[in-house]
Amino acid sequence: MNALIIYNPMAGKKRAKDRQIRSICKQLNLDYHWHDLSTGSFIGLNPDSFERIFVAGGDGTIKEVAAWIISAHSQTPIAIIPIGSANILASALGIPFDLGKALKLGLSEKIQKIDAGLINNREYFLIATGCGFDAKVIKNTSRKLKKAWGFLAYIFSLIYSFFNTHANKYFIKIDDESYTVTAQSVFISNFARFFNFNLNPASKINDGYLSLSILKTLNLRDLGIIAFRLIKGYYLKDWRYEFFKAKRIYILPLHKKVPKQIDGDNFELPYLDVRILPQVLNIIANKLP
C-alpha cells in the first residue's frame, strides 16, 4: 500500500513519537511518504496519489488534513494515529491509542463515510464548533500546558474557566426558525456522544445533520442535574439545557468578545454560519458515534 504519513511534532506531550511510528511502519513493511509539519504544509501534495493518508497528531491536525482532502474532492481514506492531547475524534471512532494497533487498523478496509461541517464557507470541522464556555476552556489551555500535562491540561482549564465565564446573548437561526437566547455555551457538533455524555440522542456522525446544544447555566446544582440526565439518558428540554438537529445553523453573538472554537482550536470569527456536508470524508474506524 502506498501511504502518506502526516506527522505533527507539536502534538501531545513532550516525547516525540516519530521514531516509534517509523519503526512500526518498518515492521509492517509499509511503503510510505513521510511529511513532518515542521518542514511546511502538505497542501502542495495530491491526496489522490496515495491509497491511505495517516494523520499522526491531534484533533486540530486531523481537521486540517480532512479540509485538504474534502476541498480536493478526494476519496482517499484518512487513518488516525492518535498522539494529541485530547484525541476526541479518535476516541469516538474507536481508534486504539496503542500506535502499533492504530497503524494496523489504518491498513484495514474498515472504511466509513462521515459528515463534516462547513463554517462561513471556509472552515471545516469534524467534531464541533462553538461559542462561550467550551471555547473559553480551549482558549485557556495553552500549548505549553498541553505539552506538560496532556489531557489533564483541559481539566485544569475547565475548572478555571468555570469561575470566569459569563452568560451572553446570541441570535440563533436553526434552519428556518430564529431565536434570541442567553446562554453560557452554544455548541454545534457533528456527533453528540462525548465520553459518557450523549448530548443529543438522535445525532450520528453520518446522519446528514448537525447537533446544536445550548447550555444556559453554569450553576453547580443545575450542572449536576444536566449531567445526571445526559448520563442516564433522560432527555428533557428545559430552561437549563436545550438540543436540536438541523442542516444549517447560524449563530451571532451579540457581544463581540465571545470566544469561539473549531475542533479544539480558537478562531476569531464574527459569527458562525454552519452547514452540514453529508458523507464527504472516508475514514478508518472501528465504530461510528
Protein backbone atom coordinates (compact mmCIF):
# COMPACT_ATOMS: atom_id res chain seq x y z
CA MET A 1 0.00 0.00 0.00
CA ASN A 2 1.25 3.47 -0.93
CA ALA A 3 0.64 5.66 2.11
CA LEU A 4 1.22 9.23 3.21
CA ILE A 5 2.01 9.85 6.88
CA ILE A 6 1.49 13.43 8.05
CA TYR A 7 3.26 13.89 11.38
CA ASN A 8 2.76 16.81 13.77
CA PRO A 9 5.78 17.03 16.10
CA MET A 10 3.98 19.62 18.26
CA ALA A 11 1.07 17.29 19.11
CA GLY A 12 0.61 15.80 22.55
CA LYS A 13 3.09 15.70 25.42
CA LYS A 14 6.86 16.25 25.33
CA ARG A 15 8.19 12.95 23.96
CA ALA A 16 8.36 12.77 20.15
CA LYS A 17 6.73 9.72 18.52
CA ASP A 18 8.28 9.84 15.04
CA ARG A 19 10.93 7.15 15.63
CA GLN A 20 8.39 4.81 17.17
CA ILE A 21 5.96 5.28 14.25
CA ARG A 22 8.72 4.75 11.66
CA SER A 23 9.86 1.60 13.46
CA ILE A 24 6.33 0.15 13.39
CA CYS A 25 6.00 1.02 9.68
CA LYS A 26 9.21 -0.89 9.01
CA GLN A 27 7.86 -3.92 10.87
CA LEU A 28 4.66 -3.75 8.80
CA ASN A 29 6.63 -3.37 5.53
CA LEU A 30 4.62 -0.24 4.80
CA ASP A 31 5.60 1.78 1.72
CA TYR A 32 5.09 5.38 2.82
CA HIS A 33 5.94 9.02 2.20
CA TRP A 34 6.72 10.89 5.44
CA HIS A 35 5.71 14.55 5.82
CA ASP A 36 6.73 16.35 9.00
CA LEU A 37 4.66 19.52 9.55
CA SER A 38 7.71 21.30 10.96
CA THR A 39 9.06 21.35 7.38
CA GLY A 40 5.98 23.09 5.96
CA SER A 41 2.47 22.49 4.68
CA PHE A 42 1.21 19.36 2.92
CA ILE A 43 -1.29 21.15 0.65
CA GLY A 44 1.09 21.01 -2.32
CA LEU A 45 0.68 17.23 -2.35
CA ASN A 46 -2.12 15.45 -4.21
CA PRO A 47 -4.24 13.26 -1.88
CA ASP A 48 -5.23 11.06 -4.83
CA SER A 49 -1.57 9.99 -5.19
CA PHE A 50 -1.96 7.82 -2.08
CA GLU A 51 -4.08 4.83 -1.10
CA ARG A 52 -4.18 5.86 2.57
CA ILE A 53 -3.40 9.08 4.44
CA PHE A 54 -2.29 8.59 8.04
CA VAL A 55 -2.55 11.56 10.38
CA ALA A 56 -0.23 11.39 13.39
CA GLY A 57 -1.44 14.26 15.51
CA GLY A 58 -4.35 15.60 17.50
CA ASP A 59 -7.84 16.77 16.60
CA GLY A 60 -6.62 20.05 15.10
CA THR A 61 -4.21 18.28 12.74
CA ILE A 62 -6.93 15.83 11.65
CA LYS A 63 -9.23 18.77 10.90
CA GLU A 64 -6.63 20.41 8.66
CA VAL A 65 -5.92 17.21 6.73
CA ALA A 66 -9.65 16.50 6.34
CA ALA A 67 -10.21 20.02 4.98
CA TRP A 68 -7.47 19.44 2.38
CA ILE A 69 -8.97 16.11 1.28
CA ILE A 70 -12.55 17.41 1.14
CA SER A 71 -11.53 20.53 -0.79
CA ALA A 72 -9.73 18.31 -3.33
CA HIS A 73 -12.87 16.11 -3.67
CA SER A 74 -10.64 13.13 -2.93
CA GLN A 75 -11.91 9.71 -1.84
CA THR A 76 -8.62 8.66 -0.20
CA PRO A 77 -9.37 7.45 3.35
CA ILE A 78 -7.91 9.07 6.46
CA ALA A 79 -6.39 6.82 9.15
CA ILE A 80 -5.72 8.30 12.58
CA ILE A 81 -2.59 7.76 14.70
CA PRO A 82 -3.71 9.49 17.93
CA ILE A 83 -0.83 11.38 19.53
CA GLY A 84 -2.63 14.60 20.50
CA SER A 85 -3.63 15.91 23.93
CA ALA A 86 -7.37 15.21 23.78
CA ASN A 87 -7.84 12.79 20.83
CA ILE A 88 -11.62 13.25 20.98
CA LEU A 89 -12.30 12.09 17.42
CA ALA A 90 -10.04 9.04 17.72
CA SER A 91 -11.76 8.03 20.94
CA ALA A 92 -15.22 8.44 19.40
CA LEU A 93 -14.25 6.32 16.39
CA GLY A 94 -12.77 3.51 18.50
CA ILE A 95 -9.18 4.09 17.33
CA PRO A 96 -6.66 2.32 19.59
CA PHE A 97 -4.25 4.60 21.44
CA ASP A 98 -1.51 1.99 21.02
CA LEU A 99 0.46 3.21 17.99
CA GLY A 100 1.02 -0.26 16.52
CA LYS A 101 -2.65 -1.18 16.78
CA ALA A 102 -3.67 2.18 15.32
CA LEU A 103 -1.38 1.66 12.31
CA LYS A 104 -2.67 -1.88 11.74
CA LEU A 105 -6.27 -0.63 11.89
CA GLY A 106 -5.35 2.11 9.42
CA LEU A 107 -4.25 -0.51 6.91
CA SER A 108 -7.55 -2.37 7.18
CA GLU A 109 -10.62 -1.96 4.98
CA LYS A 110 -12.83 -0.64 7.80
CA ILE A 111 -13.67 2.43 5.72
CA GLN A 112 -16.64 4.53 6.82
CA LYS A 113 -18.17 7.63 5.26
CA ILE A 114 -18.75 10.51 7.69
CA ASP A 115 -20.17 14.02 7.57
CA ALA A 116 -18.24 17.25 8.00
CA GLY A 117 -19.32 20.75 8.96
CA LEU A 118 -18.52 23.87 6.93
CA ILE A 119 -18.31 27.26 8.67
CA ASN A 120 -18.71 30.55 6.79
CA ASN A 121 -17.88 28.68 3.56
CA ARG A 122 -14.22 28.48 4.58
CA GLU A 123 -13.51 26.42 7.72
CA TYR A 124 -14.25 22.70 8.07
CA PHE A 125 -14.75 20.67 11.23
CA LEU A 126 -15.25 17.01 12.09
CA ILE A 127 -16.04 17.30 15.82
CA ALA A 128 -17.57 20.61 16.84
CA THR A 129 -17.59 24.37 16.83
CA GLY A 130 -18.99 26.64 19.49
CA CYS A 131 -19.14 29.89 21.40
CA GLY A 132 -18.83 30.59 25.10
CA PHE A 133 -17.76 28.21 27.85
CA ASP A 134 -16.33 25.41 25.66
CA ALA A 135 -14.30 27.91 23.62
CA LYS A 136 -13.05 29.63 26.77
CA VAL A 137 -11.78 26.30 28.14
CA ILE A 138 -9.80 25.80 24.92
CA LYS A 139 -8.56 29.39 24.92
CA ASN A 140 -7.26 28.98 28.47
CA THR A 141 -5.46 25.73 27.64
CA SER A 142 -2.07 26.87 26.35
CA ARG A 143 0.19 24.72 24.17
CA LYS A 144 2.76 24.79 26.97
CA LEU A 145 0.19 23.41 29.42
CA LYS A 146 -0.85 20.68 26.95
CA LYS A 147 2.77 19.67 26.40
CA ALA A 148 3.30 19.33 30.14
CA TRP A 149 0.03 17.74 31.21
CA GLY A 150 -1.71 16.33 28.13
CA PHE A 151 -5.46 15.85 28.60
CA LEU A 152 -5.21 16.97 32.25
CA ALA A 153 -4.48 20.47 30.96
CA TYR A 154 -8.09 20.68 29.77
CA ILE A 155 -9.35 19.66 33.22
CA PHE A 156 -7.34 22.44 34.87
CA SER A 157 -8.63 24.92 32.30
CA LEU A 158 -12.21 23.72 32.71
CA ILE A 159 -12.10 24.38 36.46
CA TYR A 160 -10.54 27.81 35.97
CA SER A 161 -12.98 28.76 33.19
CA PHE A 162 -15.96 27.61 35.27
CA PHE A 163 -15.41 30.53 37.63
CA ASN A 164 -14.59 33.04 34.88
CA THR A 165 -17.33 32.59 32.26
CA HIS A 166 -20.44 34.73 31.96
CA ALA A 167 -23.64 34.22 30.02
CA ASN A 168 -24.01 36.06 26.70
CA LYS A 169 -26.86 36.83 24.34
CA TYR A 170 -27.00 35.11 20.94
CA PHE A 171 -29.13 35.40 17.85
CA ILE A 172 -29.59 31.85 16.54
CA LYS A 173 -31.21 30.60 13.34
CA ILE A 174 -31.92 26.86 13.18
CA ASP A 175 -32.83 26.03 9.59
CA ASP A 176 -35.78 28.44 9.10
CA GLU A 177 -36.55 29.34 12.73
CA SER A 178 -34.91 32.20 14.64
CA TYR A 179 -34.34 32.72 18.37
CA THR A 180 -32.59 35.07 20.76
CA VAL A 181 -31.19 33.27 23.80
CA THR A 182 -28.98 34.00 26.79
CA ALA A 183 -26.57 31.12 27.31
CA GLN A 184 -23.23 30.09 28.75
CA SER A 185 -22.39 27.90 25.77
CA VAL A 186 -23.75 27.36 22.26
CA PHE A 187 -22.24 24.19 20.85
CA ILE A 188 -22.63 22.75 17.32
CA SER A 189 -21.33 19.22 16.86
CA ASN A 190 -21.04 16.61 14.12
CA PHE A 191 -21.92 13.88 16.63
CA ALA A 192 -23.22 14.02 20.17
CA ARG A 193 -21.51 11.35 22.31
CA PHE A 194 -18.52 12.74 24.20
CA PHE A 195 -17.09 10.32 26.76
CA ASN A 196 -20.10 9.25 28.91
CA PHE A 197 -22.29 12.17 27.84
CA ASN A 198 -24.70 11.90 24.92
CA LEU A 199 -25.72 15.49 24.22
CA ASN A 200 -28.38 14.61 21.66
CA PRO A 201 -29.81 11.06 21.45
CA ALA A 202 -30.72 11.28 17.76
CA SER A 203 -27.37 12.56 16.48
CA LYS A 204 -24.86 10.47 14.45
CA ILE A 205 -21.67 11.37 12.60
CA ASN A 206 -23.11 10.15 9.28
CA ASP A 207 -26.79 11.19 9.53
CA GLY A 208 -26.57 14.37 7.45
CA TYR A 209 -27.47 16.65 10.40
CA LEU A 210 -25.75 18.96 12.84
CA SER A 211 -26.43 18.74 16.57
CA LEU A 212 -26.98 22.01 18.47
CA SER A 213 -26.67 22.10 22.28
CA ILE A 214 -27.50 25.23 24.28
CA LEU A 215 -26.27 25.34 27.88
CA LYS A 216 -27.94 28.17 29.76
CA THR A 217 -26.46 27.81 33.25
CA LEU A 218 -23.16 27.07 34.99
CA ASN A 219 -24.70 26.80 38.45
CA LEU A 220 -23.25 23.69 40.12
CA ARG A 221 -26.64 22.30 41.14
CA ASP A 222 -28.09 22.76 37.65
CA LEU A 223 -24.99 21.27 36.00
CA GLY A 224 -25.35 18.24 38.25
CA ILE A 225 -28.96 17.80 37.13
CA ILE A 226 -27.99 18.14 33.45
CA ALA A 227 -25.03 15.73 33.78
CA PHE A 228 -27.20 13.13 35.55
CA ARG A 229 -29.83 13.33 32.81
CA LEU A 230 -27.31 13.04 29.98
CA ILE A 231 -25.54 10.06 31.55
CA LYS A 232 -28.83 8.27 32.34
CA GLY A 233 -30.47 9.15 29.02
CA TYR A 234 -33.25 11.34 30.42
CA TYR A 235 -33.53 13.83 27.58
CA LEU A 236 -35.74 16.65 28.81
CA LYS A 237 -35.54 20.13 27.33
CA ASP A 238 -35.99 22.85 29.94
CA TRP A 239 -34.61 26.28 30.80
CA ARG A 240 -31.22 24.76 31.69
CA TYR A 241 -30.39 22.85 28.51
CA GLU A 242 -31.86 22.51 25.01
CA PHE A 243 -30.80 20.46 21.98
CA PHE A 244 -31.78 20.43 18.30
CA LYS A 245 -30.92 18.81 14.95
CA ALA A 246 -30.56 20.87 11.80
CA LYS A 247 -28.88 21.03 8.42
CA ARG A 248 -27.89 24.68 8.80
CA ILE A 249 -27.30 26.78 11.92
CA TYR A 250 -26.40 30.46 12.20
CA ILE A 251 -25.04 31.92 15.45
CA LEU A 252 -24.39 35.62 16.02
CA PRO A 253 -23.03 36.52 19.48
CA LEU A 254 -24.38 39.93 20.48
CA HIS A 255 -21.16 40.57 22.41
CA LYS A 256 -18.07 40.91 20.20
CA LYS A 257 -15.59 39.36 22.65
CA VAL A 258 -17.26 35.94 22.96
CA PRO A 259 -14.57 33.25 22.32
CA LYS A 260 -15.14 30.72 19.52
CA GLN A 261 -13.52 27.36 18.77
CA ILE A 262 -13.34 24.87 15.91
CA ASP A 263 -12.25 21.29 16.70
CA GLY A 264 -10.23 22.39 19.70
CA ASP A 265 -8.58 25.49 18.19
CA ASN A 266 -9.61 29.08 18.89
CA PHE A 267 -10.76 31.18 15.94
CA GLU A 268 -11.62 34.86 15.63
CA LEU A 269 -14.87 34.94 13.65
CA PRO A 270 -17.70 37.49 13.94
CA TYR A 271 -20.39 34.82 13.52
CA LEU A 272 -20.81 31.12 12.73
CA ASP A 273 -22.81 30.18 9.63
CA VAL A 274 -22.63 26.38 9.71
CA ARG A 275 -23.95 23.79 7.29
CA ILE A 276 -23.57 20.03 7.08
CA LEU A 277 -21.72 18.27 4.26
CA PRO A 278 -23.15 14.74 4.25
CA GLN A 279 -20.73 11.82 3.99
CA VAL A 280 -17.91 13.73 2.30
CA LEU A 281 -14.98 12.01 4.01
CA ASN A 282 -13.75 8.41 4.06
CA ILE A 283 -12.20 7.45 7.38
CA ILE A 284 -10.96 4.24 9.02
CA ALA A 285 -12.96 3.49 12.17
CA ASN A 286 -13.93 0.66 14.49
CA LYS A 287 -17.27 2.34 15.26
CA LEU A 288 -19.29 5.46 14.48
CA PRO A 289 -20.58 7.73 17.25
